């Protein structure tokens, strides 16, 4: 079984969101993934990247966020690695989805979406880096 893999680095800059979306789109098209699958991957990784650059770096220095996309045709694995402050998204408080929108506190919904858009989410703090691994099963009839 052949595994396709691409790696790229992004600066901790919101302007990099466009490049992130382009890379995910190209990767999804390479495997003829459903539009919905590409959308869900993009939404989840966009949210992770936005959280990293918004909250992960307490300084104004340049940092690199490394992204690895892999697929064997059955599953996509996305690994996002940064050297920001330790943050485990698996321990984030679940939002109260029954609360009226105007009473809902800001925050938490993006991580909830990540967890629900992808099939699996793992976190580890390895060598002073946050490493988040997302997996998504592909519909074999659609690829």
N, C-alpha and C. Protein backbone atom coordinates (compact mmCIF):
# COMPACT_ATOMS: atom_id res chain seq x y z
N UNK A 1 0.84 -1.17 0.00
CA UNK A 1 0.00 0.00 0.00
C UNK A 1 0.90 1.24 0.00
N UNK A 2 0.69 2.12 -0.95
CA UNK A 2 1.48 3.34 -1.06
C UNK A 2 0.87 4.44 -0.20
N UNK A 3 1.74 5.14 0.50
CA UNK A 3 1.29 6.27 1.31
C UNK A 3 1.79 7.55 0.65
N UNK A 4 0.88 8.44 0.34
CA UNK A 4 1.22 9.76 -0.19
C UNK A 4 1.44 10.68 1.00
N UNK A 5 2.47 11.52 0.91
CA UNK A 5 2.80 12.39 2.04
C UNK A 5 3.32 13.73 1.51
N UNK A 6 2.83 14.80 2.11
CA UNK A 6 3.42 16.11 1.86
C UNK A 6 3.62 16.79 3.21
N UNK A 7 4.66 17.57 3.28
CA UNK A 7 4.97 18.35 4.48
C UNK A 7 5.17 19.79 4.07
N UNK A 8 4.78 20.69 4.93
CA UNK A 8 5.05 22.10 4.69
C UNK A 8 5.07 22.83 6.01
N UNK A 9 5.66 24.01 5.98
CA UNK A 9 5.75 24.83 7.18
C UNK A 9 5.03 26.15 6.94
N UNK A 10 4.37 26.61 7.98
CA UNK A 10 3.66 27.87 7.95
C UNK A 10 4.23 28.79 9.02
N UNK A 11 4.25 30.06 8.76
CA UNK A 11 4.63 31.03 9.78
C UNK A 11 3.43 31.25 10.69
N UNK A 12 3.69 31.73 11.89
CA UNK A 12 2.58 32.01 12.81
C UNK A 12 1.96 33.36 12.44
N UNK A 13 1.28 33.34 11.30
CA UNK A 13 0.71 34.54 10.71
C UNK A 13 -0.64 34.18 10.10
N UNK A 14 -1.70 34.94 10.42
CA UNK A 14 -3.02 34.64 9.85
C UNK A 14 -3.04 34.62 8.32
N UNK A 15 -2.13 35.33 7.69
CA UNK A 15 -2.07 35.34 6.22
C UNK A 15 -1.77 33.96 5.65
N UNK A 16 -1.24 33.06 6.47
CA UNK A 16 -0.90 31.72 6.02
C UNK A 16 -2.13 30.81 5.90
N UNK A 17 -3.28 31.26 6.38
CA UNK A 17 -4.50 30.44 6.29
C UNK A 17 -4.85 30.10 4.84
N UNK A 18 -4.61 31.04 3.93
CA UNK A 18 -4.91 30.77 2.52
C UNK A 18 -4.03 29.65 1.98
N UNK A 19 -2.75 29.69 2.31
CA UNK A 19 -1.83 28.65 1.84
C UNK A 19 -2.19 27.30 2.45
N UNK A 20 -2.59 27.30 3.72
CA UNK A 20 -3.02 26.08 4.38
C UNK A 20 -4.22 25.48 3.64
N UNK A 21 -5.21 26.30 3.34
CA UNK A 21 -6.41 25.84 2.62
C UNK A 21 -6.05 25.31 1.23
N UNK A 22 -5.14 25.97 0.54
CA UNK A 22 -4.72 25.52 -0.79
C UNK A 22 -4.05 24.15 -0.72
N UNK A 23 -3.19 23.95 0.26
CA UNK A 23 -2.50 22.67 0.40
C UNK A 23 -3.51 21.54 0.68
N UNK A 24 -4.46 21.81 1.57
CA UNK A 24 -5.48 20.80 1.89
C UNK A 24 -6.35 20.50 0.67
N UNK A 25 -6.71 21.53 -0.06
CA UNK A 25 -7.54 21.37 -1.27
C UNK A 25 -6.80 20.51 -2.30
N UNK A 26 -5.55 20.83 -2.57
CA UNK A 26 -4.76 20.07 -3.54
C UNK A 26 -4.61 18.62 -3.10
N UNK A 27 -4.35 18.41 -1.83
CA UNK A 27 -4.20 17.05 -1.31
C UNK A 27 -5.51 16.28 -1.47
N UNK A 28 -6.62 16.92 -1.13
CA UNK A 28 -7.92 16.27 -1.26
C UNK A 28 -8.25 15.93 -2.70
N UNK A 29 -7.92 16.83 -3.61
CA UNK A 29 -8.19 16.57 -5.03
C UNK A 29 -7.34 15.42 -5.56
N UNK A 30 -6.10 15.32 -5.07
CA UNK A 30 -5.22 14.24 -5.50
C UNK A 30 -5.86 12.88 -5.24
N UNK A 31 -6.65 12.78 -4.17
CA UNK A 31 -7.31 11.53 -3.82
C UNK A 31 -8.79 11.51 -4.21
N UNK A 32 -9.21 12.49 -4.99
CA UNK A 32 -10.61 12.60 -5.42
C UNK A 32 -11.56 12.51 -4.23
N UNK A 33 -11.19 13.20 -3.15
CA UNK A 33 -12.03 13.19 -1.95
C UNK A 33 -13.30 14.00 -2.19
N UNK A 34 -14.34 13.61 -1.48
CA UNK A 34 -15.60 14.35 -1.52
C UNK A 34 -15.36 15.79 -1.08
N UNK A 35 -16.12 16.70 -1.63
CA UNK A 35 -16.04 18.10 -1.21
C UNK A 35 -16.27 18.24 0.29
N UNK A 36 -17.22 17.49 0.80
CA UNK A 36 -17.52 17.56 2.24
C UNK A 36 -16.31 17.16 3.09
N UNK A 37 -15.62 16.12 2.67
CA UNK A 37 -14.44 15.65 3.40
C UNK A 37 -13.35 16.72 3.40
N UNK A 38 -13.11 17.33 2.26
CA UNK A 38 -12.10 18.39 2.16
C UNK A 38 -12.51 19.57 3.04
N UNK A 39 -13.79 19.92 3.00
CA UNK A 39 -14.30 21.02 3.82
C UNK A 39 -14.08 20.73 5.31
N UNK A 40 -14.41 19.52 5.75
CA UNK A 40 -14.27 19.17 7.17
C UNK A 40 -12.81 19.16 7.61
N UNK A 41 -11.92 18.64 6.75
CA UNK A 41 -10.50 18.67 7.08
C UNK A 41 -10.01 20.11 7.18
N UNK A 42 -10.41 20.92 6.23
CA UNK A 42 -9.98 22.31 6.21
C UNK A 42 -10.49 23.06 7.44
N UNK A 43 -11.74 22.85 7.79
CA UNK A 43 -12.31 23.52 8.96
C UNK A 43 -11.56 23.12 10.23
N UNK A 44 -11.29 21.84 10.39
CA UNK A 44 -10.61 21.36 11.60
C UNK A 44 -9.18 21.91 11.68
N UNK A 45 -8.43 21.84 10.59
CA UNK A 45 -7.04 22.29 10.62
C UNK A 45 -6.96 23.81 10.68
N UNK A 46 -7.87 24.50 10.02
CA UNK A 46 -7.95 25.96 10.12
C UNK A 46 -8.15 26.38 11.58
N UNK A 47 -9.04 25.70 12.25
CA UNK A 47 -9.32 26.01 13.65
C UNK A 47 -8.10 25.76 14.52
N UNK A 48 -7.44 24.64 14.33
CA UNK A 48 -6.22 24.34 15.09
C UNK A 48 -5.16 25.41 14.85
N UNK A 49 -4.91 25.72 13.59
CA UNK A 49 -3.88 26.70 13.24
C UNK A 49 -4.22 28.08 13.82
N UNK A 50 -5.47 28.47 13.72
CA UNK A 50 -5.89 29.77 14.27
C UNK A 50 -5.69 29.81 15.77
N UNK A 51 -6.02 28.74 16.47
CA UNK A 51 -5.79 28.69 17.92
C UNK A 51 -4.30 28.76 18.25
N UNK A 52 -3.49 28.06 17.48
CA UNK A 52 -2.04 28.07 17.74
C UNK A 52 -1.50 29.49 17.61
N UNK A 53 -1.83 30.17 16.51
CA UNK A 53 -1.24 31.49 16.30
C UNK A 53 -1.89 32.55 17.19
N UNK A 54 -3.11 32.32 17.62
CA UNK A 54 -3.80 33.31 18.48
C UNK A 54 -3.40 33.20 19.95
N UNK A 55 -3.16 31.98 20.43
CA UNK A 55 -2.96 31.77 21.86
C UNK A 55 -1.65 31.06 22.23
N UNK A 56 -0.98 30.45 21.26
CA UNK A 56 0.15 29.59 21.58
C UNK A 56 1.48 30.26 21.83
N UNK A 57 1.63 31.48 21.33
CA UNK A 57 2.94 32.13 21.41
C UNK A 57 2.84 33.40 22.23
N UNK A 58 3.45 33.41 23.42
CA UNK A 58 3.35 34.59 24.29
C UNK A 58 4.28 35.73 23.86
N UNK A 59 5.10 35.51 22.85
CA UNK A 59 6.01 36.55 22.39
C UNK A 59 5.60 37.03 20.99
N UNK A 60 6.30 38.01 20.49
CA UNK A 60 6.02 38.54 19.15
C UNK A 60 7.01 38.01 18.12
N UNK A 61 7.70 36.93 18.45
CA UNK A 61 8.70 36.36 17.56
C UNK A 61 8.04 35.51 16.47
N UNK A 62 8.81 35.27 15.42
CA UNK A 62 8.35 34.36 14.37
C UNK A 62 8.49 32.92 14.86
N UNK A 63 7.46 32.13 14.56
CA UNK A 63 7.47 30.71 14.89
C UNK A 63 7.01 29.95 13.66
N UNK A 64 7.33 28.68 13.64
CA UNK A 64 6.94 27.80 12.53
C UNK A 64 5.94 26.77 13.03
N UNK A 65 4.91 26.56 12.23
CA UNK A 65 3.94 25.49 12.48
C UNK A 65 4.13 24.50 11.33
N UNK A 66 4.46 23.28 11.68
CA UNK A 66 4.73 22.24 10.67
C UNK A 66 3.48 21.39 10.48
N UNK A 67 3.14 21.13 9.22
CA UNK A 67 1.96 20.34 8.89
C UNK A 67 2.38 19.19 7.99
N UNK A 68 1.91 18.00 8.32
CA UNK A 68 2.16 16.81 7.50
C UNK A 68 0.81 16.21 7.13
N UNK A 69 0.61 15.99 5.83
CA UNK A 69 -0.60 15.34 5.33
C UNK A 69 -0.20 13.99 4.75
N UNK A 70 -0.88 12.93 5.17
CA UNK A 70 -0.59 11.60 4.66
C UNK A 70 -1.89 10.88 4.35
N UNK A 71 -1.87 10.06 3.32
CA UNK A 71 -3.02 9.21 3.04
C UNK A 71 -2.57 7.94 2.35
N UNK A 72 -3.24 6.86 2.72
CA UNK A 72 -3.03 5.58 2.06
C UNK A 72 -4.20 5.24 1.14
N UNK A 73 -5.08 6.24 0.92
CA UNK A 73 -6.26 6.01 0.10
C UNK A 73 -7.48 5.60 0.91
N UNK A 74 -7.27 5.20 2.16
CA UNK A 74 -8.36 4.80 3.04
C UNK A 74 -8.55 5.77 4.19
N UNK A 75 -7.43 6.34 4.63
CA UNK A 75 -7.43 7.25 5.78
C UNK A 75 -6.50 8.42 5.49
N UNK A 76 -6.89 9.60 5.95
CA UNK A 76 -6.01 10.76 5.90
C UNK A 76 -5.55 11.02 7.32
N UNK A 77 -4.26 11.26 7.47
CA UNK A 77 -3.68 11.62 8.76
C UNK A 77 -3.05 13.00 8.60
N UNK A 78 -3.41 13.90 9.48
CA UNK A 78 -2.89 15.27 9.46
C UNK A 78 -2.20 15.50 10.80
N UNK A 79 -0.94 15.86 10.75
CA UNK A 79 -0.17 16.14 11.95
C UNK A 79 0.20 17.62 11.95
N UNK A 80 -0.10 18.29 13.04
CA UNK A 80 0.21 19.71 13.20
C UNK A 80 1.12 19.84 14.42
N UNK A 81 2.28 20.46 14.22
CA UNK A 81 3.28 20.55 15.28
C UNK A 81 3.71 22.01 15.46
N UNK A 82 3.77 22.45 16.71
CA UNK A 82 4.21 23.81 16.99
C UNK A 82 5.01 23.84 18.28
N UNK A 83 5.78 24.91 18.45
CA UNK A 83 6.60 25.06 19.66
C UNK A 83 6.00 26.07 20.62
N UNK A 84 4.70 26.20 20.57
CA UNK A 84 4.00 27.14 21.45
C UNK A 84 3.80 26.59 22.85
N UNK A 85 3.07 27.36 23.64
CA UNK A 85 2.75 26.96 25.01
C UNK A 85 2.01 25.62 24.99
N UNK A 86 2.27 24.76 25.96
CA UNK A 86 1.58 23.46 25.99
C UNK A 86 0.06 23.66 26.02
N UNK A 87 -0.62 22.94 25.14
CA UNK A 87 -2.09 22.96 25.14
C UNK A 87 -2.60 21.66 24.56
N UNK A 88 -3.34 20.94 25.37
CA UNK A 88 -3.94 19.68 24.95
C UNK A 88 -5.42 19.93 24.62
N UNK A 89 -5.78 19.92 23.35
CA UNK A 89 -7.18 20.18 22.98
C UNK A 89 -8.15 19.13 23.51
N UNK A 90 -7.63 17.95 23.85
CA UNK A 90 -8.51 16.89 24.36
C UNK A 90 -9.03 17.21 25.75
N UNK A 91 -8.36 18.12 26.47
CA UNK A 91 -8.79 18.47 27.82
C UNK A 91 -9.64 19.74 27.84
N UNK A 92 -9.87 20.32 26.67
CA UNK A 92 -10.70 21.54 26.60
C UNK A 92 -12.13 21.22 27.01
N UNK A 93 -12.72 22.14 27.74
CA UNK A 93 -14.10 21.97 28.19
C UNK A 93 -15.05 21.95 26.99
N UNK A 94 -15.98 21.02 27.02
CA UNK A 94 -16.98 20.94 25.95
C UNK A 94 -17.95 22.12 26.07
N UNK A 95 -18.30 22.75 24.95
CA UNK A 95 -19.25 23.86 25.01
C UNK A 95 -20.67 23.36 25.31
N UNK A 96 -21.46 24.22 25.91
CA UNK A 96 -22.86 23.92 26.17
C UNK A 96 -23.65 24.27 24.91
N UNK A 97 -23.96 23.27 24.11
CA UNK A 97 -24.64 23.50 22.84
C UNK A 97 -26.12 23.79 23.00
N UNK A 98 -26.65 23.60 24.20
CA UNK A 98 -28.07 23.88 24.44
C UNK A 98 -28.31 25.32 24.89
N UNK A 99 -27.24 26.02 25.22
CA UNK A 99 -27.36 27.40 25.70
C UNK A 99 -27.72 28.32 24.52
N UNK A 100 -28.60 29.31 24.76
CA UNK A 100 -28.92 30.27 23.69
C UNK A 100 -27.64 30.97 23.19
N UNK A 101 -27.57 31.22 21.90
CA UNK A 101 -26.38 31.78 21.27
C UNK A 101 -25.91 33.06 21.95
N UNK A 102 -26.82 33.95 22.29
CA UNK A 102 -26.43 35.22 22.90
C UNK A 102 -25.86 35.06 24.31
N UNK A 103 -26.07 33.91 24.95
CA UNK A 103 -25.53 33.64 26.28
C UNK A 103 -24.28 32.76 26.24
N UNK A 104 -23.93 32.27 25.06
CA UNK A 104 -22.80 31.35 24.93
C UNK A 104 -21.49 32.12 25.07
N UNK A 105 -20.61 31.68 25.98
CA UNK A 105 -19.31 32.34 26.09
C UNK A 105 -18.45 32.07 24.86
N UNK A 106 -17.56 33.01 24.55
CA UNK A 106 -16.66 32.86 23.42
C UNK A 106 -15.64 31.78 23.74
N UNK A 107 -15.35 30.95 22.75
CA UNK A 107 -14.31 29.94 22.89
C UNK A 107 -14.86 28.54 23.10
N UNK A 108 -14.08 27.57 22.64
CA UNK A 108 -14.42 26.17 22.85
C UNK A 108 -15.15 25.51 21.71
N UNK A 109 -15.87 26.28 20.91
CA UNK A 109 -16.65 25.68 19.84
C UNK A 109 -15.75 25.14 18.72
N UNK A 110 -14.65 25.82 18.43
CA UNK A 110 -13.74 25.37 17.37
C UNK A 110 -13.14 24.02 17.66
N UNK A 111 -12.70 23.81 18.88
CA UNK A 111 -12.12 22.51 19.25
C UNK A 111 -13.20 21.43 19.20
N UNK A 112 -14.40 21.79 19.62
CA UNK A 112 -15.53 20.86 19.53
C UNK A 112 -15.75 20.44 18.07
N UNK A 113 -15.68 21.41 17.16
CA UNK A 113 -15.84 21.11 15.73
C UNK A 113 -14.72 20.19 15.24
N UNK A 114 -13.48 20.46 15.67
CA UNK A 114 -12.35 19.60 15.28
C UNK A 114 -12.62 18.16 15.67
N UNK A 115 -13.04 17.98 16.90
CA UNK A 115 -13.27 16.63 17.40
C UNK A 115 -14.39 15.93 16.63
N UNK A 116 -15.38 16.70 16.20
CA UNK A 116 -16.54 16.10 15.53
C UNK A 116 -16.40 15.99 14.02
N UNK A 117 -15.54 16.79 13.42
CA UNK A 117 -15.33 16.72 11.97
C UNK A 117 -14.38 15.58 11.59
N UNK A 118 -13.51 15.23 12.51
CA UNK A 118 -12.51 14.20 12.25
C UNK A 118 -12.90 12.93 12.99
N UNK A 119 -12.32 11.81 12.57
CA UNK A 119 -12.64 10.54 13.23
C UNK A 119 -11.84 10.32 14.50
N UNK A 120 -10.66 10.93 14.57
CA UNK A 120 -9.83 10.75 15.76
C UNK A 120 -8.93 11.96 15.92
N UNK A 121 -8.64 12.29 17.16
CA UNK A 121 -7.74 13.39 17.49
C UNK A 121 -6.85 12.92 18.62
N UNK A 122 -5.54 13.05 18.44
CA UNK A 122 -4.58 12.68 19.47
C UNK A 122 -3.68 13.87 19.74
N UNK A 123 -3.18 13.93 20.96
CA UNK A 123 -2.26 15.00 21.35
C UNK A 123 -1.10 14.41 22.12
N UNK A 124 0.08 14.97 21.88
CA UNK A 124 1.21 14.68 22.76
C UNK A 124 2.10 15.91 22.82
N UNK A 125 2.77 16.04 23.93
CA UNK A 125 3.79 17.08 24.10
C UNK A 125 5.11 16.35 23.95
N UNK A 126 5.77 16.54 22.83
CA UNK A 126 6.99 15.80 22.50
C UNK A 126 8.12 16.78 22.20
N UNK A 127 9.22 16.64 22.92
CA UNK A 127 10.40 17.48 22.71
C UNK A 127 10.04 18.97 22.68
N UNK A 128 9.29 19.41 23.69
CA UNK A 128 8.87 20.81 23.85
C UNK A 128 7.97 21.31 22.72
N UNK A 129 7.26 20.39 22.09
CA UNK A 129 6.35 20.78 21.01
C UNK A 129 4.98 20.15 21.23
N UNK A 130 3.95 20.89 20.82
CA UNK A 130 2.60 20.34 20.76
C UNK A 130 2.49 19.58 19.45
N UNK A 131 2.02 18.35 19.52
CA UNK A 131 1.81 17.56 18.31
C UNK A 131 0.37 17.04 18.35
N UNK A 132 -0.42 17.54 17.41
CA UNK A 132 -1.82 17.12 17.29
C UNK A 132 -1.94 16.30 16.02
N UNK A 133 -2.51 15.12 16.15
CA UNK A 133 -2.70 14.24 15.01
C UNK A 133 -4.19 14.01 14.82
N UNK A 134 -4.67 14.34 13.63
CA UNK A 134 -6.07 14.17 13.27
C UNK A 134 -6.17 13.08 12.21
N UNK A 135 -7.16 12.22 12.32
CA UNK A 135 -7.37 11.23 11.27
C UNK A 135 -8.81 11.29 10.78
N UNK A 136 -8.95 10.98 9.50
CA UNK A 136 -10.27 10.98 8.86
C UNK A 136 -10.31 9.77 7.93
N UNK A 137 -11.31 8.94 8.11
CA UNK A 137 -11.50 7.79 7.22
C UNK A 137 -12.15 8.29 5.93
N UNK A 138 -11.68 7.75 4.82
CA UNK A 138 -12.24 8.11 3.52
C UNK A 138 -13.29 7.11 3.12
N UNK A 139 -14.33 7.57 2.48
CA UNK A 139 -15.37 6.69 1.97
C UNK A 139 -14.81 5.98 0.74
N UNK A 140 -14.65 4.64 0.81
CA UNK A 140 -14.01 3.93 -0.31
C UNK A 140 -14.80 4.04 -1.61
N UNK A 141 -16.08 4.32 -1.53
CA UNK A 141 -16.90 4.45 -2.74
C UNK A 141 -16.69 5.81 -3.40
N UNK A 142 -16.12 6.75 -2.66
CA UNK A 142 -15.99 8.11 -3.17
C UNK A 142 -14.56 8.47 -3.55
N UNK A 143 -13.60 7.60 -3.30
CA UNK A 143 -12.21 7.92 -3.63
C UNK A 143 -11.72 7.09 -4.78
